[in-house]
Amino acid sequence: MSKADERRSDLRADLIRLAEGQIARSGMASLRARDLARDAGCAVGAIYNVFADMNALILAVNGRTFARIGAEVAGAVTGHEALPPEQRLILLARAYLNFADKNHHLWRALFDIDLPDDAAVPDWYRADLKRLFSHIAVPVSQIFQDLAGKELDLMVRALFSSVHGIVVLGLQNRISGVPKPQVEAMIAAVLLRISKPAIS
């Protein structure tokens, strides 16, 4: 690697670290190229030599956030493999809720980023999201043993969306009026019912 490539790599790492810190403190809307350049000790134009635009930088931060969530949810079920799959889903969902609660701005940035309609989502970003969903897919495949491929993927995404929606409303406590313990109870109520047959 040349000296120029090393400097570019170091600047990229610095910008991601600084952007992550700013988002964590004050939210995605507070991120400003001029402030980042000042803190990184570079010109504003240097940012755009490393990232195509600010959205690309936010995506890089989000990639780190996905990895952190993945580690948290994986850790939540480690050592609990003998539990029924519904119980493991509850552990995964609780870990997701706790991460969102403790890292609210970084978590919101995963879903609040506003990409142009013609902007392609990077393959690595989709892979990171798929890796997160893979933790959910294990117990879901054990509950719905008749599902595979796209149908299993759809069920995983549907369950994630259900839990995510509860978490979003739960963390907007001023609006929903639902305290965190009740949010956990709501999630458990949904996940414990998914394998129960409907009453006709």
N, C-alpha and C. Protein backbone atom coordinates (compact mmCIF):
# COMPACT_ATOMS: atom_id res chain seq x y z
N MET A 1 0.85 -1.19 0.00
CA MET A 1 0.00 0.00 0.00
C MET A 1 0.89 1.25 0.00
N SER A 2 0.56 2.18 -0.88
CA SER A 2 1.35 3.41 -0.96
C SER A 2 1.05 4.33 0.21
N LYS A 3 1.90 5.34 0.40
CA LYS A 3 1.68 6.30 1.47
C LYS A 3 0.35 7.04 1.30
N ALA A 4 0.04 7.36 0.03
CA ALA A 4 -1.22 8.05 -0.25
C ALA A 4 -2.41 7.17 0.12
N ASP A 5 -2.32 5.86 -0.19
CA ASP A 5 -3.39 4.94 0.15
C ASP A 5 -3.53 4.79 1.66
N GLU A 6 -2.40 4.78 2.35
CA GLU A 6 -2.42 4.69 3.81
C GLU A 6 -3.11 5.90 4.42
N ARG A 7 -2.75 7.09 3.91
CA ARG A 7 -3.37 8.31 4.42
C ARG A 7 -4.88 8.31 4.16
N ARG A 8 -5.24 7.86 2.96
CA ARG A 8 -6.67 7.81 2.63
C ARG A 8 -7.41 6.83 3.54
N SER A 9 -6.80 5.67 3.80
CA SER A 9 -7.39 4.67 4.68
C SER A 9 -7.51 5.20 6.10
N ASP A 10 -6.48 5.90 6.57
CA ASP A 10 -6.51 6.46 7.92
C ASP A 10 -7.58 7.54 8.03
N LEU A 11 -7.70 8.38 6.99
CA LEU A 11 -8.71 9.43 7.01
C LEU A 11 -10.11 8.81 7.00
N ARG A 12 -10.29 7.77 6.21
CA ARG A 12 -11.59 7.09 6.17
C ARG A 12 -11.97 6.58 7.56
N ALA A 13 -11.02 5.92 8.23
CA ALA A 13 -11.28 5.39 9.57
C ALA A 13 -11.60 6.52 10.55
N ASP A 14 -10.84 7.62 10.46
CA ASP A 14 -11.07 8.77 11.35
C ASP A 14 -12.45 9.37 11.12
N LEU A 15 -12.83 9.52 9.86
CA LEU A 15 -14.13 10.12 9.54
C LEU A 15 -15.28 9.25 10.03
N ILE A 16 -15.15 7.94 9.87
CA ILE A 16 -16.21 7.04 10.36
C ILE A 16 -16.31 7.13 11.87
N ARG A 17 -15.16 7.13 12.54
CA ARG A 17 -15.16 7.21 14.02
C ARG A 17 -15.78 8.52 14.49
N LEU A 18 -15.39 9.63 13.87
CA LEU A 18 -15.91 10.94 14.26
C LEU A 18 -17.41 11.05 13.96
N ALA A 19 -17.81 10.56 12.79
CA ALA A 19 -19.23 10.62 12.42
C ALA A 19 -20.07 9.75 13.36
N GLU A 20 -19.55 8.59 13.70
CA GLU A 20 -20.25 7.70 14.63
C GLU A 20 -20.44 8.40 15.99
N GLY A 21 -19.40 9.04 16.48
CA GLY A 21 -19.51 9.74 17.75
C GLY A 21 -20.51 10.87 17.71
N GLN A 22 -20.51 11.63 16.62
CA GLN A 22 -21.45 12.75 16.48
C GLN A 22 -22.88 12.26 16.40
N ILE A 23 -23.13 11.22 15.61
CA ILE A 23 -24.48 10.66 15.50
C ILE A 23 -24.93 10.12 16.85
N ALA A 24 -24.04 9.41 17.55
CA ALA A 24 -24.39 8.84 18.85
C ALA A 24 -24.79 9.93 19.85
N ARG A 25 -24.10 11.06 19.79
CA ARG A 25 -24.38 12.14 20.74
C ARG A 25 -25.64 12.92 20.39
N SER A 26 -25.80 13.27 19.11
CA SER A 26 -26.82 14.26 18.76
C SER A 26 -27.71 13.87 17.59
N GLY A 27 -27.54 12.70 17.04
CA GLY A 27 -28.40 12.26 15.95
C GLY A 27 -27.82 12.56 14.58
N MET A 28 -28.37 11.89 13.59
CA MET A 28 -27.86 11.98 12.23
C MET A 28 -27.96 13.38 11.65
N ALA A 29 -29.03 14.11 12.01
CA ALA A 29 -29.24 15.45 11.46
C ALA A 29 -28.16 16.43 11.90
N SER A 30 -27.43 16.10 12.96
CA SER A 30 -26.40 17.02 13.45
C SER A 30 -25.08 16.88 12.71
N LEU A 31 -24.99 15.90 11.82
CA LEU A 31 -23.72 15.63 11.13
C LEU A 31 -23.47 16.69 10.06
N ARG A 32 -22.32 17.37 10.14
CA ARG A 32 -21.96 18.43 9.21
C ARG A 32 -20.56 18.19 8.67
N ALA A 33 -20.40 18.29 7.35
CA ALA A 33 -19.11 18.05 6.72
C ALA A 33 -18.05 19.00 7.26
N ARG A 34 -18.41 20.26 7.43
CA ARG A 34 -17.44 21.26 7.90
C ARG A 34 -16.92 20.92 9.30
N ASP A 35 -17.82 20.49 10.18
CA ASP A 35 -17.42 20.11 11.54
C ASP A 35 -16.53 18.87 11.51
N LEU A 36 -16.89 17.91 10.67
CA LEU A 36 -16.08 16.69 10.56
C LEU A 36 -14.68 17.01 10.06
N ALA A 37 -14.61 17.87 9.05
CA ALA A 37 -13.30 18.24 8.49
C ALA A 37 -12.44 18.91 9.55
N ARG A 38 -13.05 19.79 10.32
CA ARG A 38 -12.31 20.47 11.39
C ARG A 38 -11.77 19.45 12.40
N ASP A 39 -12.63 18.54 12.83
CA ASP A 39 -12.23 17.56 13.84
C ASP A 39 -11.21 16.56 13.31
N ALA A 40 -11.31 16.26 12.00
CA ALA A 40 -10.37 15.31 11.40
C ALA A 40 -9.08 15.98 10.97
N GLY A 41 -9.06 17.33 10.98
CA GLY A 41 -7.87 18.05 10.57
C GLY A 41 -7.62 17.98 9.07
N CYS A 42 -8.71 18.01 8.31
CA CYS A 42 -8.57 17.94 6.84
C CYS A 42 -9.47 18.99 6.20
N ALA A 43 -9.32 19.18 4.91
CA ALA A 43 -10.19 20.08 4.16
C ALA A 43 -11.53 19.39 3.93
N VAL A 44 -12.58 20.20 3.77
CA VAL A 44 -13.91 19.62 3.50
C VAL A 44 -13.86 18.76 2.24
N GLY A 45 -13.14 19.22 1.22
CA GLY A 45 -13.05 18.46 -0.02
C GLY A 45 -12.42 17.09 0.15
N ALA A 46 -11.58 16.96 1.18
CA ALA A 46 -10.92 15.66 1.40
C ALA A 46 -11.93 14.59 1.80
N ILE A 47 -13.00 15.01 2.45
CA ILE A 47 -14.05 14.04 2.82
C ILE A 47 -14.61 13.37 1.56
N TYR A 48 -14.79 14.19 0.51
CA TYR A 48 -15.42 13.68 -0.70
C TYR A 48 -14.42 12.99 -1.63
N ASN A 49 -13.16 12.99 -1.23
CA ASN A 49 -12.19 12.12 -1.90
C ASN A 49 -12.24 10.70 -1.33
N VAL A 50 -12.83 10.58 -0.13
CA VAL A 50 -12.92 9.28 0.55
C VAL A 50 -14.33 8.70 0.42
N PHE A 51 -15.34 9.56 0.55
CA PHE A 51 -16.74 9.14 0.45
C PHE A 51 -17.42 9.94 -0.66
N ALA A 52 -18.27 9.27 -1.41
CA ALA A 52 -18.96 9.95 -2.52
C ALA A 52 -19.81 11.10 -2.02
N ASP A 53 -20.45 10.93 -0.87
CA ASP A 53 -21.27 11.97 -0.27
C ASP A 53 -21.45 11.63 1.21
N MET A 54 -22.21 12.46 1.93
CA MET A 54 -22.41 12.22 3.35
C MET A 54 -23.23 10.96 3.61
N ASN A 55 -24.13 10.63 2.68
CA ASN A 55 -24.89 9.39 2.84
C ASN A 55 -23.97 8.17 2.84
N ALA A 56 -22.93 8.20 2.00
CA ALA A 56 -21.99 7.08 1.97
C ALA A 56 -21.26 6.96 3.30
N LEU A 57 -20.95 8.08 3.92
CA LEU A 57 -20.32 8.05 5.24
C LEU A 57 -21.28 7.50 6.29
N ILE A 58 -22.53 7.93 6.24
CA ILE A 58 -23.53 7.43 7.20
C ILE A 58 -23.74 5.93 7.01
N LEU A 59 -23.75 5.47 5.76
CA LEU A 59 -23.87 4.03 5.51
C LEU A 59 -22.72 3.26 6.15
N ALA A 60 -21.50 3.84 6.09
CA ALA A 60 -20.34 3.19 6.70
C ALA A 60 -20.51 3.11 8.22
N VAL A 61 -21.03 4.17 8.81
CA VAL A 61 -21.33 4.14 10.25
C VAL A 61 -22.40 3.09 10.54
N ASN A 62 -23.43 3.05 9.70
CA ASN A 62 -24.51 2.08 9.90
C ASN A 62 -24.01 0.64 9.80
N GLY A 63 -23.01 0.42 8.94
CA GLY A 63 -22.43 -0.91 8.84
C GLY A 63 -21.84 -1.35 10.17
N ARG A 64 -21.18 -0.43 10.86
CA ARG A 64 -20.63 -0.73 12.18
C ARG A 64 -21.75 -0.98 13.19
N THR A 65 -22.85 -0.23 13.06
CA THR A 65 -23.98 -0.41 13.97
C THR A 65 -24.62 -1.77 13.77
N PHE A 66 -24.80 -2.18 12.51
CA PHE A 66 -25.34 -3.51 12.23
C PHE A 66 -24.47 -4.58 12.88
N ALA A 67 -23.16 -4.43 12.78
CA ALA A 67 -22.25 -5.41 13.37
C ALA A 67 -22.40 -5.47 14.88
N ARG A 68 -22.57 -4.30 15.51
CA ARG A 68 -22.75 -4.26 16.96
C ARG A 68 -24.06 -4.92 17.38
N ILE A 69 -25.12 -4.64 16.64
CA ILE A 69 -26.41 -5.27 16.96
C ILE A 69 -26.30 -6.78 16.78
N GLY A 70 -25.65 -7.20 15.69
CA GLY A 70 -25.47 -8.63 15.45
C GLY A 70 -24.75 -9.32 16.59
N ALA A 71 -23.70 -8.68 17.10
CA ALA A 71 -22.95 -9.25 18.22
C ALA A 71 -23.81 -9.33 19.47
N GLU A 72 -24.63 -8.30 19.69
CA GLU A 72 -25.49 -8.28 20.88
C GLU A 72 -26.55 -9.38 20.83
N VAL A 73 -27.21 -9.51 19.67
CA VAL A 73 -28.28 -10.50 19.59
C VAL A 73 -27.71 -11.92 19.60
N ALA A 74 -26.55 -12.11 18.98
CA ALA A 74 -25.92 -13.43 19.02
C ALA A 74 -25.54 -13.79 20.45
N GLY A 75 -25.01 -12.82 21.17
CA GLY A 75 -24.64 -13.07 22.56
C GLY A 75 -25.83 -13.38 23.44
N ALA A 76 -26.99 -12.85 23.08
CA ALA A 76 -28.19 -13.04 23.89
C ALA A 76 -28.65 -14.49 23.92
N VAL A 77 -28.36 -15.24 22.86
CA VAL A 77 -28.82 -16.63 22.81
C VAL A 77 -27.68 -17.64 23.03
N THR A 78 -26.45 -17.13 23.14
CA THR A 78 -25.33 -18.03 23.39
C THR A 78 -25.50 -18.70 24.75
N GLY A 79 -25.44 -20.02 24.74
CA GLY A 79 -25.65 -20.77 25.97
C GLY A 79 -27.09 -21.12 26.24
N HIS A 80 -27.98 -20.64 25.38
CA HIS A 80 -29.42 -20.90 25.56
C HIS A 80 -29.99 -21.69 24.39
N GLU A 81 -29.13 -22.44 23.72
CA GLU A 81 -29.56 -23.15 22.51
C GLU A 81 -30.63 -24.21 22.80
N ALA A 82 -30.73 -24.67 24.05
CA ALA A 82 -31.70 -25.71 24.39
C ALA A 82 -33.10 -25.14 24.63
N LEU A 83 -33.21 -23.83 24.73
CA LEU A 83 -34.53 -23.22 24.93
C LEU A 83 -35.40 -23.41 23.69
N PRO A 84 -36.73 -23.42 23.85
CA PRO A 84 -37.61 -23.47 22.69
C PRO A 84 -37.34 -22.26 21.78
N PRO A 85 -37.56 -22.42 20.48
CA PRO A 85 -37.24 -21.33 19.55
C PRO A 85 -37.99 -20.03 19.84
N GLU A 86 -39.23 -20.14 20.34
CA GLU A 86 -39.96 -18.92 20.67
C GLU A 86 -39.25 -18.13 21.78
N GLN A 87 -38.73 -18.86 22.76
CA GLN A 87 -38.02 -18.21 23.86
C GLN A 87 -36.72 -17.57 23.37
N ARG A 88 -36.06 -18.22 22.42
CA ARG A 88 -34.84 -17.64 21.87
C ARG A 88 -35.15 -16.38 21.06
N LEU A 89 -36.27 -16.39 20.36
CA LEU A 89 -36.69 -15.18 19.65
C LEU A 89 -36.94 -14.03 20.61
N ILE A 90 -37.51 -14.33 21.76
CA ILE A 90 -37.74 -13.30 22.77
C ILE A 90 -36.41 -12.74 23.26
N LEU A 91 -35.42 -13.61 23.49
CA LEU A 91 -34.10 -13.15 23.91
C LEU A 91 -33.47 -12.25 22.84
N LEU A 92 -33.60 -12.65 21.58
CA LEU A 92 -33.07 -11.84 20.48
C LEU A 92 -33.75 -10.47 20.44
N ALA A 93 -35.08 -10.48 20.56
CA ALA A 93 -35.84 -9.23 20.51
C ALA A 93 -35.51 -8.33 21.69
N ARG A 94 -35.32 -8.93 22.86
CA ARG A 94 -34.97 -8.12 24.04
C ARG A 94 -33.60 -7.47 23.86
N ALA A 95 -32.66 -8.21 23.28
CA ALA A 95 -31.33 -7.64 23.01
C ALA A 95 -31.44 -6.49 22.02
N TYR A 96 -32.30 -6.65 21.01
CA TYR A 96 -32.50 -5.60 20.02
C TYR A 96 -33.10 -4.35 20.69
N LEU A 97 -34.10 -4.55 21.52
CA LEU A 97 -34.72 -3.44 22.25
C LEU A 97 -33.70 -2.73 23.13
N ASN A 98 -32.89 -3.49 23.86
CA ASN A 98 -31.91 -2.89 24.75
C ASN A 98 -30.87 -2.07 23.97
N PHE A 99 -30.44 -2.61 22.82
CA PHE A 99 -29.48 -1.86 22.00
C PHE A 99 -30.11 -0.55 21.54
N ALA A 100 -31.33 -0.62 21.03
CA ALA A 100 -32.01 0.57 20.53
C ALA A 100 -32.19 1.61 21.64
N ASP A 101 -32.49 1.14 22.84
CA ASP A 101 -32.71 2.03 23.97
C ASP A 101 -31.41 2.72 24.39
N LYS A 102 -30.30 1.98 24.39
CA LYS A 102 -29.02 2.51 24.86
C LYS A 102 -28.26 3.28 23.77
N ASN A 103 -28.59 3.01 22.51
CA ASN A 103 -27.87 3.64 21.38
C ASN A 103 -28.89 4.24 20.41
N HIS A 104 -29.78 5.06 20.96
CA HIS A 104 -30.97 5.46 20.21
C HIS A 104 -30.64 6.16 18.90
N HIS A 105 -29.71 7.12 18.91
CA HIS A 105 -29.42 7.88 17.69
C HIS A 105 -28.77 7.01 16.62
N LEU A 106 -27.84 6.15 17.02
CA LEU A 106 -27.20 5.26 16.04
C LEU A 106 -28.21 4.29 15.46
N TRP A 107 -29.09 3.78 16.31
CA TRP A 107 -30.13 2.86 15.85
C TRP A 107 -31.08 3.56 14.88
N ARG A 108 -31.49 4.79 15.20
CA ARG A 108 -32.39 5.51 14.32
C ARG A 108 -31.75 5.78 12.96
N ALA A 109 -30.44 6.00 12.95
CA ALA A 109 -29.75 6.30 11.69
C ALA A 109 -29.83 5.13 10.71
N LEU A 110 -30.03 3.91 11.21
CA LEU A 110 -30.17 2.75 10.34
C LEU A 110 -31.39 2.89 9.44
N PHE A 111 -32.41 3.55 9.94
CA PHE A 111 -33.70 3.58 9.24
C PHE A 111 -34.09 4.97 8.75
N ASP A 112 -33.41 5.99 9.26
CA ASP A 112 -33.78 7.36 8.90
C ASP A 112 -32.97 7.91 7.73
N ILE A 113 -31.95 7.20 7.30
CA ILE A 113 -31.14 7.70 6.19
C ILE A 113 -32.01 7.82 4.94
N ASP A 114 -31.92 8.94 4.26
CA ASP A 114 -32.79 9.25 3.12
C ASP A 114 -31.97 9.17 1.84
N LEU A 115 -31.96 7.99 1.23
CA LEU A 115 -31.21 7.80 -0.01
C LEU A 115 -32.05 8.24 -1.20
N PRO A 116 -31.43 8.87 -2.20
CA PRO A 116 -32.16 9.20 -3.43
C PRO A 116 -32.74 7.94 -4.08
N ASP A 117 -33.83 8.12 -4.82
CA ASP A 117 -34.50 6.97 -5.43
C ASP A 117 -33.58 6.19 -6.36
N ASP A 118 -32.63 6.88 -6.99
CA ASP A 118 -31.77 6.20 -7.95
C ASP A 118 -30.45 5.73 -7.33
N ALA A 119 -30.32 5.88 -6.01
CA ALA A 119 -29.07 5.48 -5.35
C ALA A 119 -29.11 3.98 -5.06
N ALA A 120 -28.04 3.29 -5.43
CA ALA A 120 -27.95 1.85 -5.19
C ALA A 120 -27.45 1.62 -3.77
N VAL A 121 -28.11 0.71 -3.05
CA VAL A 121 -27.63 0.32 -1.73
C VAL A 121 -26.44 -0.62 -1.93
N PRO A 122 -25.30 -0.32 -1.30
CA PRO A 122 -24.10 -1.16 -1.52
C PRO A 122 -24.34 -2.62 -1.17
N ASP A 123 -23.69 -3.52 -1.89
CA ASP A 123 -23.83 -4.95 -1.63
C ASP A 123 -23.41 -5.30 -0.21
N TRP A 124 -22.34 -4.66 0.29
CA TRP A 124 -21.87 -4.98 1.64
C TRP A 124 -22.90 -4.60 2.69
N TYR A 125 -23.68 -3.55 2.40
CA TYR A 125 -24.71 -3.10 3.34
C TYR A 125 -25.83 -4.13 3.41
N ARG A 126 -26.23 -4.62 2.24
CA ARG A 126 -27.26 -5.66 2.19
C ARG A 126 -26.76 -6.93 2.89
N ALA A 127 -25.48 -7.23 2.71
CA ALA A 127 -24.90 -8.42 3.35
C ALA A 127 -24.90 -8.28 4.87
N ASP A 128 -24.61 -7.07 5.38
CA ASP A 128 -24.63 -6.83 6.82
C ASP A 128 -26.04 -7.01 7.37
N LEU A 129 -27.04 -6.50 6.65
CA LEU A 129 -28.42 -6.66 7.08
C LEU A 129 -28.83 -8.13 7.05
N LYS A 130 -28.41 -8.84 6.01
CA LYS A 130 -28.72 -10.26 5.90
C LYS A 130 -28.08 -11.04 7.05
N ARG A 131 -26.87 -10.65 7.43
CA ARG A 131 -26.17 -11.30 8.55
C ARG A 131 -26.95 -11.11 9.84
N LEU A 132 -27.52 -9.92 10.03
CA LEU A 132 -28.33 -9.68 11.22
C LEU A 132 -29.58 -10.56 11.19
N PHE A 133 -30.23 -10.64 10.04
CA PHE A 133 -31.42 -11.47 9.92
C PHE A 133 -31.12 -12.96 10.12
N SER A 134 -29.89 -13.38 9.84
CA SER A 134 -29.55 -14.80 9.97
C SER A 134 -29.70 -15.29 11.40
N HIS A 135 -29.50 -14.40 12.38
CA HIS A 135 -29.68 -14.79 13.78
C HIS A 135 -31.14 -15.10 14.07
N ILE A 136 -32.03 -14.37 13.41
CA ILE A 136 -33.47 -14.59 13.60
C ILE A 136 -33.91 -15.84 12.85
N ALA A 137 -33.27 -16.10 11.71
CA ALA A 137 -33.70 -17.19 10.83
C ALA A 137 -33.58 -18.56 11.48
N VAL A 138 -32.61 -18.73 12.40
CA VAL A 138 -32.40 -20.05 13.01
C VAL A 138 -33.64 -20.49 13.80
N PRO A 139 -34.09 -19.72 14.81
CA PRO A 139 -35.29 -20.17 15.52
C PRO A 139 -36.56 -20.13 14.66
N VAL A 140 -36.63 -19.19 13.73
CA VAL A 140 -37.82 -19.13 12.87
C VAL A 140 -37.93 -20.38 12.01
N SER A 141 -36.80 -20.87 11.50
CA SER A 141 -36.82 -22.08 10.68
C SER A 141 -37.21 -23.31 11.50
N GLN A 142 -36.96 -23.27 12.80
CA GLN A 142 -37.35 -24.38 13.67
C GLN A 142 -38.83 -24.34 14.01
N ILE A 143 -39.40 -23.15 14.04
CA ILE A 143 -40.84 -23.01 14.29
C ILE A 143 -41.63 -23.35 13.04
N PHE A 144 -41.18 -22.80 11.90
CA PHE A 144 -41.89 -23.00 10.63
C PHE A 144 -41.05 -23.92 9.75
N GLN A 145 -41.09 -25.20 10.04
CA GLN A 145 -40.22 -26.15 9.36
C GLN A 145 -40.63 -26.40 7.91
N ASP A 146 -41.83 -25.94 7.55
CA ASP A 146 -42.28 -26.11 6.17
C ASP A 146 -41.83 -24.96 5.26
N LEU A 147 -41.16 -23.95 5.86
CA LEU A 147 -40.72 -22.81 5.07
C LEU A 147 -39.25 -22.92 4.72
N ALA A 148 -38.91 -22.44 3.53
CA ALA A 148 -37.51 -22.42 3.10
C ALA A 148 -37.34 -21.32 2.06
N GLY A 149 -36.10 -20.97 1.80
CA GLY A 149 -35.81 -20.00 0.75
C GLY A 149 -36.50 -18.68 0.94
N LYS A 150 -37.17 -18.20 -0.10
CA LYS A 150 -37.80 -16.88 -0.07
C LYS A 150 -38.93 -16.80 0.95
N GLU A 151 -39.66 -17.91 1.12
CA GLU A 151 -40.76 -17.89 2.09
C GLU A 151 -40.24 -17.74 3.51
N LEU A 152 -39.14 -18.42 3.83
CA LEU A 152 -38.52 -18.29 5.15
C LEU A 152 -37.99 -16.87 5.34
N ASP A 153 -37.34 -16.35 4.30
CA ASP A 153 -36.80 -14.99 4.37
C ASP A 153 -37.92 -13.98 4.61
N LEU A 154 -39.05 -14.18 3.95
CA LEU A 154 -40.20 -13.28 4.12
C LEU A 154 -40.72 -13.33 5.55
N MET A 155 -40.79 -14.53 6.13
CA MET A 155 -41.27 -14.67 7.50
C MET A 155 -40.31 -14.00 8.49
N VAL A 156 -39.01 -14.18 8.26
CA VAL A 156 -38.01 -13.54 9.11
C VAL A 156 -38.18 -12.03 9.08
N ARG A 157 -38.33 -11.48 7.89
CA ARG A 157 -38.48 -10.03 7.75
C ARG A 157 -39.80 -9.55 8.36
N ALA A 158 -40.84 -10.36 8.24
CA ALA A 158 -42.13 -9.98 8.82
C ALA A 158 -42.04 -9.93 10.34
N LEU A 159 -41.39 -10.92 10.94
CA LEU A 159 -41.25 -10.93 12.39
C LEU A 159 -40.36 -9.79 12.87
N PHE A 160 -39.27 -9.55 12.12
CA PHE A 160 -38.41 -8.42 12.48
C PHE A 160 -39.19 -7.11 12.42
N SER A 161 -39.98 -6.95 11.36
CA SER A 161 -40.76 -5.72 11.21
C SER A 161 -41.76 -5.55 12.35
N SER A 162 -42.36 -6.66 12.79
CA SER A 162 -43.31 -6.59 13.90
C SER A 162 -42.62 -6.13 15.18
N VAL A 163 -41.49 -6.76 15.49
CA VAL A 163 -40.75 -6.39 16.69
C VAL A 163 -40.24 -4.96 16.58
N HIS A 164 -39.71 -4.62 15.41
CA HIS A 164 -39.18 -3.26 15.20
C HIS A 164 -40.26 -2.21 15.43
N GLY A 165 -41.46 -2.47 14.91
CA GLY A 165 -42.55 -1.52 15.09
C GLY A 165 -42.91 -1.33 16.55
N ILE A 166 -42.92 -2.41 17.31
CA ILE A 166 -43.20 -2.31 18.75
C ILE A 166 -42.11 -1.50 19.44
N VAL A 167 -40.86 -1.76 19.06
CA VAL A 167 -39.73 -1.04 19.66
C VAL A 167 -39.81 0.45 19.35
N VAL A 168 -40.11 0.79 18.09
CA VAL A 168 -40.21 2.20 17.69
C VAL A 168 -41.25 2.92 18.54
N LEU A 169 -42.45 2.34 18.63
CA LEU A 169 -43.50 2.98 19.40
C LEU A 169 -43.16 3.00 20.89
N GLY A 170 -42.54 1.94 21.36
CA GLY A 170 -42.20 1.86 22.77
C GLY A 170 -41.17 2.89 23.18
N LEU A 171 -40.21 3.16 22.30
CA LEU A 171 -39.17 4.13 22.63
C LEU A 171 -39.63 5.57 22.42
N GLN A 172 -40.77 5.73 21.76
CA GLN A 172 -41.39 7.06 21.68
C GLN A 172 -42.38 7.19 22.84
N ASN A 173 -41.83 7.06 24.05
CA ASN A 173 -42.66 6.93 25.24
C ASN A 173 -43.61 8.10 25.45
N ARG A 174 -43.18 9.30 25.04
CA ARG A 174 -44.05 10.47 25.23
C ARG A 174 -45.32 10.36 24.39
N ILE A 175 -45.21 9.65 23.26
CA ILE A 175 -46.37 9.51 22.37
C ILE A 175 -47.19 8.28 22.74
N SER A 176 -46.49 7.13 22.87
CA SER A 176 -47.19 5.88 23.09
C SER A 176 -47.57 5.67 24.55
N GLY A 177 -46.80 6.26 25.47
CA GLY A 177 -47.07 6.07 26.89
C GLY A 177 -46.83 4.65 27.36
N VAL A 178 -45.98 3.90 26.64
CA VAL A 178 -45.71 2.51 27.00
C VAL A 178 -44.32 2.41 27.62
N PRO A 179 -44.21 2.12 28.91
CA PRO A 179 -42.89 1.98 29.53
C PRO A 179 -42.18 0.74 29.03
N LYS A 180 -40.85 0.73 29.16
CA LYS A 180 -40.04 -0.35 28.59
C LYS A 180 -40.46 -1.75 29.06
N PRO A 181 -40.75 -1.97 30.35
CA PRO A 181 -41.17 -3.33 30.74
C PRO A 181 -42.41 -3.81 29.99
N GLN A 182 -43.32 -2.89 29.69
CA GLN A 182 -44.51 -3.28 28.93
C GLN A 182 -44.17 -3.53 27.47
N VAL A 183 -43.18 -2.82 26.95
CA VAL A 183 -42.72 -3.09 25.58
C VAL A 183 -42.20 -4.52 25.50
N GLU A 184 -41.40 -4.92 26.48
CA GLU A 184 -40.89 -6.30 26.51
C GLU A 184 -42.04 -7.29 26.58
N ALA A 185 -43.05 -6.99 27.38
CA ALA A 185 -44.21 -7.88 27.51
C ALA A 185 -44.98 -7.98 26.20
N MET A 186 -45.11 -6.85 25.49
CA MET A 186 -45.79 -6.85 24.20
C MET A 186 -45.05 -7.71 23.18
N ILE A 187 -43.73 -7.58 23.15
CA ILE A 187 -42.94 -8.38 22.22
C ILE A 187 -43.10 -9.86 22.54
N ALA A 188 -43.01 -10.21 23.82
CA ALA A 188 -43.15 -11.61 24.22
C ALA A 188 -44.52 -12.15 23.84
N ALA A 189 -45.56 -11.33 24.04
CA ALA A 189 -46.92 -11.78 23.72
C ALA A 189 -47.05 -12.12 22.24
N VAL A 190 -46.44 -11.31 21.38
CA VAL A 190 -46.50 -11.57 19.94
C VAL A 190 -45.70 -12.82 19.58
N LEU A 191 -44.47 -12.91 20.07
CA LEU A 191 -43.60 -14.00 19.66
C LEU A 191 -44.04 -15.34 20.22
N LEU A 192 -44.66 -15.34 21.39
CA LEU A 192 -45.13 -16.60 21.95
C LEU A 192 -46.35 -17.14 21.22
N ARG A 193 -47.02 -16.29 20.45
CA ARG A 193 -48.22 -16.71 19.74
C ARG A 193 -47.97 -17.18 18.32
N ILE A 194 -46.76 -16.95 17.80
CA ILE A 194 -46.58 -17.16 16.36
C ILE A 194 -46.69 -18.62 15.95
N SER A 195 -46.43 -19.54 16.86
CA SER A 195 -46.51 -20.95 16.49
C SER A 195 -47.83 -21.59 16.92
N LYS A 196 -48.71 -20.79 17.53
CA LYS A 196 -50.00 -21.32 17.99
C LYS A 196 -50.99 -21.31 16.84
N PRO A 197 -51.76 -22.36 16.67
CA PRO A 197 -52.76 -22.37 15.59
C PRO A 197 -53.86 -21.36 15.86
N ALA A 198 -54.35 -20.78 14.78
CA ALA A 198 -55.45 -19.82 14.90
C ALA A 198 -56.71 -20.52 15.36
N ILE A 199 -57.51 -19.80 16.16
CA ILE A 199 -58.77 -20.37 16.65
C ILE A 199 -59.84 -20.09 15.59
N SER A 200 -60.47 -21.15 15.11
CA SER A 200 -61.48 -20.99 14.07
C SER A 200 -62.85 -20.82 14.68
